Amino acid sequence: KSCVNALHIAATVVNTLTRYAFDEGSADFPGTSLQ
């Protein structure tokens, strides 16, 4: 209660980024992906 865990915030950030639905691409291009 006396501290703020930066890794816990980072985990939420990672979850938000990796779950975002980018475009699926087209006949010409693969979709956008984040790693």
Full PDB file with SEQRES, HELIX, SHEET, SSBOND, CRYST1, ORIGX, SCALE, CONECT and MASTER records, all heavy atoms in Angstrom:
SEQRES   1 A   35  LYS SER CYS VAL ASN ALA LEU HIS ILE ALA ALA THR VAL          
SEQRES   2 A   35  VAL ASN THR LEU THR ARG TYR ALA PHE ASP GLU GLY SER          
SEQRES   3 A   35  ALA ASP PHE PRO GLY THR SER LEU GLN                          
HELIX    1 AA1 ALA A    6  ARG A   19  1                                  14    
CRYST1    1.000    1.000    1.000  90.00  90.00  90.00 P 1           1          
ORIGX1      1.000000  0.000000  0.000000        0.00000                         
ORIGX2      0.000000  1.000000  0.000000        0.00000                         
ORIGX3      0.000000  0.000000  1.000000        0.00000                         
SCALE1      1.000000  0.000000  0.000000        0.00000                         
SCALE2      0.000000  1.000000  0.000000        0.00000                         
SCALE3      0.000000  0.000000  1.000000        0.00000                         
ATOM      1  N   LYS A   1       0.815  -1.217   0.000  1.00  0.00           N  
ATOM      2  CA  LYS A   1       0.000   0.000   0.000  1.00  0.00           C  
ATOM      3  C   LYS A   1       0.851   1.271   0.000  1.00  0.00           C  
ATOM      4  O   LYS A   1       0.349   2.346  -0.301  1.00  0.00           O  
ATOM      5  CB  LYS A   1      -0.951   0.005   1.199  1.00  0.00           C  
ATOM      6  CG  LYS A   1      -2.042  -1.053   1.100  1.00  0.00           C  
ATOM      7  CD  LYS A   1      -3.019  -0.934   2.268  1.00  0.00           C  
ATOM      8  CE  LYS A   1      -4.127  -1.966   2.144  1.00  0.00           C  
ATOM      9  NZ  LYS A   1      -5.107  -1.867   3.264  1.00  0.00           N  
ATOM     10  N   SER A   2       2.128   1.115   0.347  1.00  0.00           N  
ATOM     11  CA  SER A   2       2.995   2.289   0.403  1.00  0.00           C  
ATOM     12  C   SER A   2       3.848   2.451  -0.855  1.00  0.00           C  
ATOM     13  O   SER A   2       4.729   3.305  -0.905  1.00  0.00           O  
ATOM     14  CB  SER A   2       3.905   2.214   1.635  1.00  0.00           C  
ATOM     15  OG  SER A   2       4.798   1.104   1.527  1.00  0.00           O  
ATOM     16  N   CYS A   3       3.611   1.626  -1.856  1.00  0.00           N  
ATOM     17  CA  CYS A   3       4.390   1.715  -3.100  1.00  0.00           C  
ATOM     18  C   CYS A   3       3.487   1.491  -4.303  1.00  0.00           C  
ATOM     19  O   CYS A   3       2.331   1.083  -4.170  1.00  0.00           O  
ATOM     20  CB  CYS A   3       5.555   0.722  -3.087  1.00  0.00           C  
ATOM     21  SG  CYS A   3       5.121  -0.947  -2.595  1.00  0.00           S  
ATOM     22  N   VAL A   4       4.019   1.765  -5.477  1.00  0.00           N  
ATOM     23  CA  VAL A   4       3.291   1.565  -6.735  1.00  0.00           C  
ATOM     24  C   VAL A   4       4.167   0.711  -7.643  1.00  0.00           C  
ATOM     25  O   VAL A   4       5.257   1.137  -8.040  1.00  0.00           O  
ATOM     26  CB  VAL A   4       2.959   2.905  -7.420  1.00  0.00           C  
ATOM     27  CG1 VAL A   4       2.235   2.647  -8.741  1.00  0.00           C  
ATOM     28  CG2 VAL A   4       2.125   3.779  -6.508  1.00  0.00           C  
ATOM     29  N   ASN A   5       3.717  -0.490  -7.949  1.00  0.00           N  
ATOM     30  CA  ASN A   5       4.518  -1.440  -8.711  1.00  0.00           C  
ATOM     31  C   ASN A   5       4.513  -1.078 -10.199  1.00  0.00           C  
ATOM     32  O   ASN A   5       3.492  -1.213 -10.892  1.00  0.00           O  
ATOM     33  CB  ASN A   5       3.981  -2.853  -8.514  1.00  0.00           C  
ATOM     34  CG  ASN A   5       4.966  -3.916  -8.982  1.00  0.00           C  
ATOM     35  OD1 ASN A   5       5.565  -3.789 -10.038  1.00  0.00           O  
ATOM     36  ND2 ASN A   5       5.111  -4.971  -8.190  1.00  0.00           N  
ATOM     37  N   ALA A   6       5.648  -0.621 -10.694  1.00  0.00           N  
ATOM     38  CA  ALA A   6       5.744  -0.221 -12.104  1.00  0.00           C  
ATOM     39  C   ALA A   6       5.531  -1.399 -13.050  1.00  0.00           C  
ATOM     40  O   ALA A   6       4.992  -1.239 -14.152  1.00  0.00           O  
ATOM     41  CB  ALA A   6       7.097   0.428 -12.372  1.00  0.00           C  
ATOM     42  N   LEU A   7       5.920  -2.595 -12.615  1.00  0.00           N  
ATOM     43  CA  LEU A   7       5.726  -3.778 -13.464  1.00  0.00           C  
ATOM     44  C   LEU A   7       4.252  -4.132 -13.606  1.00  0.00           C  
ATOM     45  O   LEU A   7       3.827  -4.612 -14.664  1.00  0.00           O  
ATOM     46  CB  LEU A   7       6.498  -4.972 -12.905  1.00  0.00           C  
ATOM     47  CG  LEU A   7       7.942  -5.132 -13.376  1.00  0.00           C  
ATOM     48  CD1 LEU A   7       8.572  -6.368 -12.748  1.00  0.00           C  
ATOM     49  CD2 LEU A   7       8.033  -5.223 -14.897  1.00  0.00           C  
ATOM     50  N   HIS A   8       3.483  -3.926 -12.570  1.00  0.00           N  
ATOM     51  CA  HIS A   8       2.044  -4.196 -12.678  1.00  0.00           C  
ATOM     52  C   HIS A   8       1.394  -3.260 -13.690  1.00  0.00           C  
ATOM     53  O   HIS A   8       0.542  -3.674 -14.476  1.00  0.00           O  
ATOM     54  CB  HIS A   8       1.384  -4.041 -11.302  1.00  0.00           C  
ATOM     55  CG  HIS A   8       1.752  -5.115 -10.341  1.00  0.00           C  
ATOM     56  ND1 HIS A   8       1.237  -5.189  -9.053  1.00  0.00           N  
ATOM     57  CD2 HIS A   8       2.588  -6.175 -10.464  1.00  0.00           C  
ATOM     58  CE1 HIS A   8       1.747  -6.242  -8.432  1.00  0.00           C  
ATOM     59  NE2 HIS A   8       2.575  -6.852  -9.267  1.00  0.00           N  
ATOM     60  N   ILE A   9       1.804  -2.002 -13.657  1.00  0.00           N  
ATOM     61  CA  ILE A   9       1.290  -1.061 -14.662  1.00  0.00           C  
ATOM     62  C   ILE A   9       1.754  -1.495 -16.049  1.00  0.00           C  
ATOM     63  O   ILE A   9       0.983  -1.479 -17.016  1.00  0.00           O  
ATOM     64  CB  ILE A   9       1.770   0.372 -14.358  1.00  0.00           C  
ATOM     65  CG1 ILE A   9       1.307   0.811 -12.963  1.00  0.00           C  
ATOM     66  CG2 ILE A   9       1.243   1.341 -15.420  1.00  0.00           C  
ATOM     67  CD1 ILE A   9       1.889   2.149 -12.525  1.00  0.00           C  
ATOM     68  N   ALA A  10       3.024  -1.903 -16.143  1.00  0.00           N  
ATOM     69  CA  ALA A  10       3.568  -2.347 -17.430  1.00  0.00           C  
ATOM     70  C   ALA A  10       2.795  -3.544 -17.976  1.00  0.00           C  
ATOM     71  O   ALA A  10       2.545  -3.638 -19.186  1.00  0.00           O  
ATOM     72  CB  ALA A  10       5.049  -2.695 -17.284  1.00  0.00           C  
ATOM     73  N   ALA A  11       2.393  -4.450 -17.091  1.00  0.00           N  
ATOM     74  CA  ALA A  11       1.634  -5.624 -17.527  1.00  0.00           C  
ATOM     75  C   ALA A  11       0.306  -5.212 -18.147  1.00  0.00           C  
ATOM     76  O   ALA A  11      -0.134  -5.782 -19.161  1.00  0.00           O  
ATOM     77  CB  ALA A  11       1.404  -6.558 -16.348  1.00  0.00           C  
ATOM     78  N   THR A  12      -0.341  -4.206 -17.559  1.00  0.00           N  
ATOM     79  CA  THR A  12      -1.601  -3.719 -18.115  1.00  0.00           C  
ATOM     80  C   THR A  12      -1.378  -3.040 -19.460  1.00  0.00           C  
ATOM     81  O   THR A  12      -2.173  -3.188 -20.396  1.00  0.00           O  
ATOM     82  CB  THR A  12      -2.274  -2.743 -17.129  1.00  0.00           C  
ATOM     83  OG1 THR A  12      -2.429  -3.378 -15.861  1.00  0.00           O  
ATOM     84  CG2 THR A  12      -3.638  -2.312 -17.635  1.00  0.00           C  
ATOM     85  N   VAL A  13      -0.273  -2.287 -19.562  1.00  0.00           N  
ATOM     86  CA  VAL A  13       0.062  -1.650 -20.834  1.00  0.00           C  
ATOM     87  C   VAL A  13       0.286  -2.702 -21.919  1.00  0.00           C  
ATOM     88  O   VAL A  13      -0.235  -2.593 -23.041  1.00  0.00           O  
ATOM     89  CB  VAL A  13       1.309  -0.753 -20.687  1.00  0.00           C  
ATOM     90  CG1 VAL A  13       1.803  -0.295 -22.065  1.00  0.00           C  
ATOM     91  CG2 VAL A  13       1.005   0.453 -19.821  1.00  0.00           C  
ATOM     92  N   VAL A  14       1.074  -3.727 -21.596  1.00  0.00           N  
ATOM     93  CA  VAL A  14       1.338  -4.801 -22.559  1.00  0.00           C  
ATOM     94  C   VAL A  14       0.036  -5.471 -22.979  1.00  0.00           C  
ATOM     95  O   VAL A  14      -0.197  -5.742 -24.163  1.00  0.00           O  
ATOM     96  CB  VAL A  14       2.314  -5.827 -21.963  1.00  0.00           C  
ATOM     97  CG1 VAL A  14       2.362  -7.089 -22.831  1.00  0.00           C  
ATOM     98  CG2 VAL A  14       3.695  -5.226 -21.817  1.00  0.00           C  
ATOM     99  N   ASN A  15      -0.828  -5.739 -22.026  1.00  0.00           N  
ATOM    100  CA  ASN A  15      -2.107  -6.376 -22.321  1.00  0.00           C  
ATOM    101  C   ASN A  15      -2.951  -5.505 -23.241  1.00  0.00           C  
ATOM    102  O   ASN A  15      -3.582  -5.984 -24.193  1.00  0.00           O  
ATOM    103  CB  ASN A  15      -2.868  -6.647 -21.018  1.00  0.00           C  
ATOM    104  CG  ASN A  15      -4.059  -7.560 -21.224  1.00  0.00           C  
ATOM    105  OD1 ASN A  15      -3.964  -8.610 -21.848  1.00  0.00           O  
ATOM    106  ND2 ASN A  15      -5.197  -7.154 -20.681  1.00  0.00           N  
ATOM    107  N   THR A  16      -2.941  -4.196 -22.989  1.00  0.00           N  
ATOM    108  CA  THR A  16      -3.710  -3.268 -23.829  1.00  0.00           C  
ATOM    109  C   THR A  16      -3.177  -3.243 -25.259  1.00  0.00           C  
ATOM    110  O   THR A  16      -3.957  -3.279 -26.226  1.00  0.00           O  
ATOM    111  CB  THR A  16      -3.656  -1.851 -23.224  1.00  0.00           C  
ATOM    112  OG1 THR A  16      -4.226  -1.878 -21.914  1.00  0.00           O  
ATOM    113  CG2 THR A  16      -4.413  -0.861 -24.089  1.00  0.00           C  
ATOM    114  N   LEU A  17      -1.875  -3.196 -25.401  1.00  0.00           N  
ATOM    115  CA  LEU A  17      -1.272  -3.129 -26.733  1.00  0.00           C  
ATOM    116  C   LEU A  17      -1.472  -4.423 -27.516  1.00  0.00           C  
ATOM    117  O   LEU A  17      -1.794  -4.401 -28.708  1.00  0.00           O  
ATOM    118  CB  LEU A  17       0.220  -2.818 -26.626  1.00  0.00           C  
ATOM    119  CG  LEU A  17       0.603  -1.423 -26.135  1.00  0.00           C  
ATOM    120  CD1 LEU A  17       2.120  -1.310 -25.979  1.00  0.00           C  
ATOM    121  CD2 LEU A  17       0.096  -0.346 -27.090  1.00  0.00           C  
ATOM    122  N   THR A  18      -1.249  -5.547 -26.856  1.00  0.00           N  
ATOM    123  CA  THR A  18      -1.286  -6.826 -27.573  1.00  0.00           C  
ATOM    124  C   THR A  18      -2.705  -7.292 -27.883  1.00  0.00           C  
ATOM    125  O   THR A  18      -2.904  -8.121 -28.767  1.00  0.00           O  
ATOM    126  CB  THR A  18      -0.550  -7.920 -26.785  1.00  0.00           C  
ATOM    127  OG1 THR A  18      -1.109  -8.027 -25.473  1.00  0.00           O  
ATOM    128  CG2 THR A  18       0.936  -7.583 -26.672  1.00  0.00           C  
ATOM    129  N   ARG A  19      -3.684  -6.762 -27.168  1.00  0.00           N  
ATOM    130  CA  ARG A  19      -5.073  -7.145 -27.430  1.00  0.00           C  
ATOM    131  C   ARG A  19      -5.770  -6.210 -28.406  1.00  0.00           C  
ATOM    132  O   ARG A  19      -6.901  -6.474 -28.822  1.00  0.00           O  
ATOM    133  CB  ARG A  19      -5.866  -7.193 -26.117  1.00  0.00           C  
ATOM    134  CG  ARG A  19      -5.494  -8.363 -25.228  1.00  0.00           C  
ATOM    135  CD  ARG A  19      -6.528  -8.570 -24.141  1.00  0.00           C  
ATOM    136  NE  ARG A  19      -6.288  -9.791 -23.393  1.00  0.00           N  
ATOM    137  CZ  ARG A  19      -7.121 -10.289 -22.482  1.00  0.00           C  
ATOM    138  NH1 ARG A  19      -8.251  -9.649 -22.207  1.00  0.00           N  
ATOM    139  NH2 ARG A  19      -6.829 -11.406 -21.845  1.00  0.00           N  
ATOM    140  N   TYR A  20      -5.096  -5.132 -28.756  1.00  0.00           N  
ATOM    141  CA  TYR A  20      -5.731  -4.195 -29.672  1.00  0.00           C  
ATOM    142  C   TYR A  20      -5.892  -4.827 -31.044  1.00  0.00           C  
ATOM    143  O   TYR A  20      -4.979  -5.485 -31.571  1.00  0.00           O  
ATOM    144  CB  TYR A  20      -4.912  -2.901 -29.792  1.00  0.00           C  
ATOM    145  CG  TYR A  20      -5.584  -1.868 -30.662  1.00  0.00           C  
ATOM    146  CD1 TYR A  20      -6.620  -1.086 -30.160  1.00  0.00           C  
ATOM    147  CD2 TYR A  20      -5.205  -1.701 -31.993  1.00  0.00           C  
ATOM    148  CE1 TYR A  20      -7.249  -0.150 -30.962  1.00  0.00           C  
ATOM    149  CE2 TYR A  20      -5.834  -0.770 -32.803  1.00  0.00           C  
ATOM    150  CZ  TYR A  20      -6.864   0.003 -32.280  1.00  0.00           C  
ATOM    151  OH  TYR A  20      -7.498   0.918 -33.087  1.00  0.00           O  
ATOM    152  N   ALA A  21      -7.062  -4.632 -31.641  1.00  0.00           N  
ATOM    153  CA  ALA A  21      -7.360  -5.225 -32.952  1.00  0.00           C  
ATOM    154  C   ALA A  21      -6.903  -4.284 -34.061  1.00  0.00           C  
ATOM    155  O   ALA A  21      -7.638  -3.381 -34.473  1.00  0.00           O  
ATOM    156  CB  ALA A  21      -8.850  -5.512 -33.072  1.00  0.00           C  
ATOM    157  N   PHE A  22      -5.661  -4.476 -34.511  1.00  0.00           N  
ATOM    158  CA  PHE A  22      -5.179  -3.733 -35.672  1.00  0.00           C  
ATOM    159  C   PHE A  22      -5.859  -4.283 -36.924  1.00  0.00           C  
ATOM    160  O   PHE A  22      -6.646  -5.229 -36.862  1.00  0.00           O  
ATOM    161  CB  PHE A  22      -3.664  -3.876 -35.801  1.00  0.00           C  
ATOM    162  CG  PHE A  22      -2.887  -3.250 -34.685  1.00  0.00           C  
ATOM    163  CD1 PHE A  22      -2.390  -4.024 -33.648  1.00  0.00           C  
ATOM    164  CD2 PHE A  22      -2.644  -1.889 -34.671  1.00  0.00           C  
ATOM    165  CE1 PHE A  22      -1.670  -3.454 -32.618  1.00  0.00           C  
ATOM    166  CE2 PHE A  22      -1.918  -1.300 -33.647  1.00  0.00           C  
ATOM    167  CZ  PHE A  22      -1.431  -2.088 -32.613  1.00  0.00           C  
ATOM    168  N   ASP A  23      -5.549  -3.693 -38.066  1.00  0.00           N  
ATOM    169  CA  ASP A  23      -6.131  -4.184 -39.312  1.00  0.00           C  
ATOM    170  C   ASP A  23      -5.669  -5.611 -39.596  1.00  0.00           C  
ATOM    171  O   ASP A  23      -4.602  -6.045 -39.163  1.00  0.00           O  
ATOM    172  CB  ASP A  23      -5.712  -3.274 -40.469  1.00  0.00           C  
ATOM    173  CG  ASP A  23      -4.223  -3.299 -40.712  1.00  0.00           C  
ATOM    174  OD1 ASP A  23      -3.492  -2.637 -39.949  1.00  0.00           O  
ATOM    175  OD2 ASP A  23      -3.778  -3.997 -41.640  1.00  0.00           O  
ATOM    176  N   GLU A  24      -6.480  -6.347 -40.323  1.00  0.00           N  
ATOM    177  CA  GLU A  24      -6.172  -7.729 -40.669  1.00  0.00           C  
ATOM    178  C   GLU A  24      -5.442  -7.848 -42.000  1.00  0.00           C  
ATOM    179  O   GLU A  24      -5.177  -8.951 -42.475  1.00  0.00           O  
ATOM    180  CB  GLU A  24      -7.452  -8.562 -40.690  1.00  0.00           C  
ATOM    181  CG  GLU A  24      -8.127  -8.657 -39.320  1.00  0.00           C  
ATOM    182  CD  GLU A  24      -9.352  -9.540 -39.342  1.00  0.00           C  
ATOM    183  OE1 GLU A  24      -9.727 -10.021 -40.447  1.00  0.00           O  
ATOM    184  OE2 GLU A  24      -9.948  -9.749 -38.275  1.00  0.00           O  
ATOM    185  N   GLY A  25      -5.122  -6.708 -42.596  1.00  0.00           N  
ATOM    186  CA  GLY A  25      -4.422  -6.747 -43.868  1.00  0.00           C  
ATOM    187  C   GLY A  25      -5.374  -6.794 -45.040  1.00  0.00           C  
ATOM    188  O   GLY A  25      -6.570  -6.556 -44.916  1.00  0.00           O  
ATOM    189  N   SER A  26      -4.817  -7.129 -46.194  1.00  0.00           N  
ATOM    190  CA  SER A  26      -5.595  -7.170 -47.421  1.00  0.00           C  
ATOM    191  C   SER A  26      -5.004  -8.242 -48.327  1.00  0.00           C  
ATOM    192  O   SER A  26      -4.103  -8.978 -47.934  1.00  0.00           O  
ATOM    193  CB  SER A  26      -5.551  -5.806 -48.120  1.00  0.00           C  
ATOM    194  OG  SER A  26      -4.215  -5.493 -48.496  1.00  0.00           O  
ATOM    195  N   ALA A  27      -5.510  -8.285 -49.536  1.00  0.00           N  
ATOM    196  CA  ALA A  27      -4.964  -9.250 -50.501  1.00  0.00           C  
ATOM    197  C   ALA A  27      -3.505  -8.941 -50.811  1.00  0.00           C  
ATOM    198  O   ALA A  27      -2.739  -9.830 -51.192  1.00  0.00           O  
ATOM    199  CB  ALA A  27      -5.792  -9.226 -51.780  1.00  0.00           C  
ATOM    200  N   ASP A  28      -3.112  -7.686 -50.633  1.00  0.00           N  
ATOM    201  CA  ASP A  28      -1.747  -7.271 -50.953  1.00  0.00           C  
ATOM    202  C   ASP A  28      -0.802  -7.292 -49.761  1.00  0.00           C  
ATOM    203  O   ASP A  28       0.404  -7.458 -49.926  1.00  0.00           O  
ATOM    204  CB  ASP A  28      -1.756  -5.855 -51.543  1.00  0.00           C  
ATOM    205  CG  ASP A  28      -2.508  -5.779 -52.860  1.00  0.00           C  
ATOM    206  OD1 ASP A  28      -2.368  -6.718 -53.660  1.00  0.00           O  
ATOM    207  OD2 ASP A  28      -3.228  -4.794 -53.066  1.00  0.00           O  
ATOM    208  N   PHE A  29      -1.326  -7.097 -48.542  1.00  0.00           N  
ATOM    209  CA  PHE A  29      -0.475  -6.920 -47.378  1.00  0.00           C  
ATOM    210  C   PHE A  29      -0.921  -7.804 -46.220  1.00  0.00           C  
ATOM    211  O   PHE A  29      -2.123  -7.928 -45.958  1.00  0.00           O  
ATOM    212  CB  PHE A  29      -0.541  -5.466 -46.888  1.00  0.00           C  
ATOM    213  CG  PHE A  29       0.609  -4.613 -47.325  1.00  0.00           C  
ATOM    214  CD1 PHE A  29       0.412  -3.579 -48.210  1.00  0.00           C  
ATOM    215  CD2 PHE A  29       1.876  -4.824 -46.833  1.00  0.00           C  
ATOM    216  CE1 PHE A  29       1.453  -2.778 -48.614  1.00  0.00           C  
ATOM    217  CE2 PHE A  29       2.936  -4.017 -47.226  1.00  0.00           C  
ATOM    218  CZ  PHE A  29       2.728  -2.998 -48.114  1.00  0.00           C  
ATOM    219  N   PRO A  30       0.038  -8.394 -45.468  1.00  0.00           N  
ATOM    220  CA  PRO A  30      -0.320  -8.997 -44.185  1.00  0.00           C  
ATOM    221  C   PRO A  30      -0.806  -7.901 -43.237  1.00  0.00           C  
ATOM    222  O   PRO A  30      -0.511  -6.729 -43.420  1.00  0.00           O  
ATOM    223  CB  PRO A  30       1.010  -9.603 -43.687  1.00  0.00           C  
ATOM    224  CG  PRO A  30       1.892  -9.660 -44.883  1.00  0.00           C  
ATOM    225  CD  PRO A  30       1.457  -8.536 -45.776  1.00  0.00           C  
ATOM    226  N   GLY A  31      -1.559  -8.288 -42.212  1.00  0.00           N  
ATOM    227  CA  GLY A  31      -2.069  -7.316 -41.267  1.00  0.00           C  
ATOM    228  C   GLY A  31      -0.991  -6.757 -40.355  1.00  0.00           C  
ATOM    229  O   GLY A  31       0.137  -7.260 -40.294  1.00  0.00           O  
ATOM    230  N   THR A  32      -1.351  -5.705 -39.625  1.00  0.00           N  
ATOM    231  CA  THR A  32      -0.437  -5.075 -38.680  1.00  0.00           C  
ATOM    232  C   THR A  32      -0.302  -5.936 -37.428  1.00  0.00           C  
ATOM    233  O   THR A  32      -1.293  -6.460 -36.916  1.00  0.00           O  
ATOM    234  CB  THR A  32      -0.957  -3.676 -38.300  1.00  0.00           C  
ATOM    235  OG1 THR A  32      -0.994  -2.868 -39.481  1.00  0.00           O  
ATOM    236  CG2 THR A  32      -0.083  -3.014 -37.249  1.00  0.00           C  
ATOM    237  N   SER A  33       0.922  -6.075 -36.928  1.00  0.00           N  
ATOM    238  CA  SER A  33       1.161  -6.888 -35.737  1.00  0.00           C  
ATOM    239  C   SER A  33       2.157  -6.193 -34.822  1.00  0.00           C  
ATOM    240  O   SER A  33       3.087  -5.543 -35.290  1.00  0.00           O  
ATOM    241  CB  SER A  33       1.682  -8.283 -36.111  1.00  0.00           C  
ATOM    242  OG  SER A  33       2.933  -8.183 -36.779  1.00  0.00           O  
ATOM    243  N   LEU A  34       1.941  -6.345 -33.518  1.00  0.00           N  
ATOM    244  CA  LEU A  34       2.821  -5.764 -32.504  1.00  0.00           C  
ATOM    245  C   LEU A  34       3.403  -6.877 -31.647  1.00  0.00           C  
ATOM    246  O   LEU A  34       2.677  -7.768 -31.195  1.00  0.00           O  
ATOM    247  CB  LEU A  34       2.047  -4.774 -31.633  1.00  0.00           C  
ATOM    248  CG  LEU A  34       2.820  -4.046 -30.526  1.00  0.00           C  
ATOM    249  CD1 LEU A  34       2.245  -2.647 -30.297  1.00  0.00           C  
ATOM    250  CD2 LEU A  34       2.814  -4.824 -29.203  1.00  0.00           C  
ATOM    251  N   GLN A  35       4.716  -6.812 -31.437  1.00  0.00           N  
ATOM    252  CA  GLN A  35       5.392  -7.786 -30.590  1.00  0.00           C  
ATOM    253  C   GLN A  35       6.217  -7.068 -29.529  1.00  0.00           C  
ATOM    254  O   GLN A  35       7.011  -6.177 -29.857  1.00  0.00           O  
ATOM    255  CB  GLN A  35       6.303  -8.700 -31.416  1.00  0.00           C  
ATOM    256  CG  GLN A  35       5.564  -9.625 -32.363  1.00  0.00           C  
ATOM    257  CD  GLN A  35       4.721 -10.658 -31.633  1.00  0.00           C  
ATOM    258  OE1 GLN A  35       5.173 -11.271 -30.667  1.00  0.00           O  
ATOM    259  NE2 GLN A  35       3.490 -10.831 -32.092  1.00  0.00           N  
TER     260      GLN A  35                                                      
MASTER        0    0    0    1    0    0    0    6  259    1    0    3          
END                                                                             
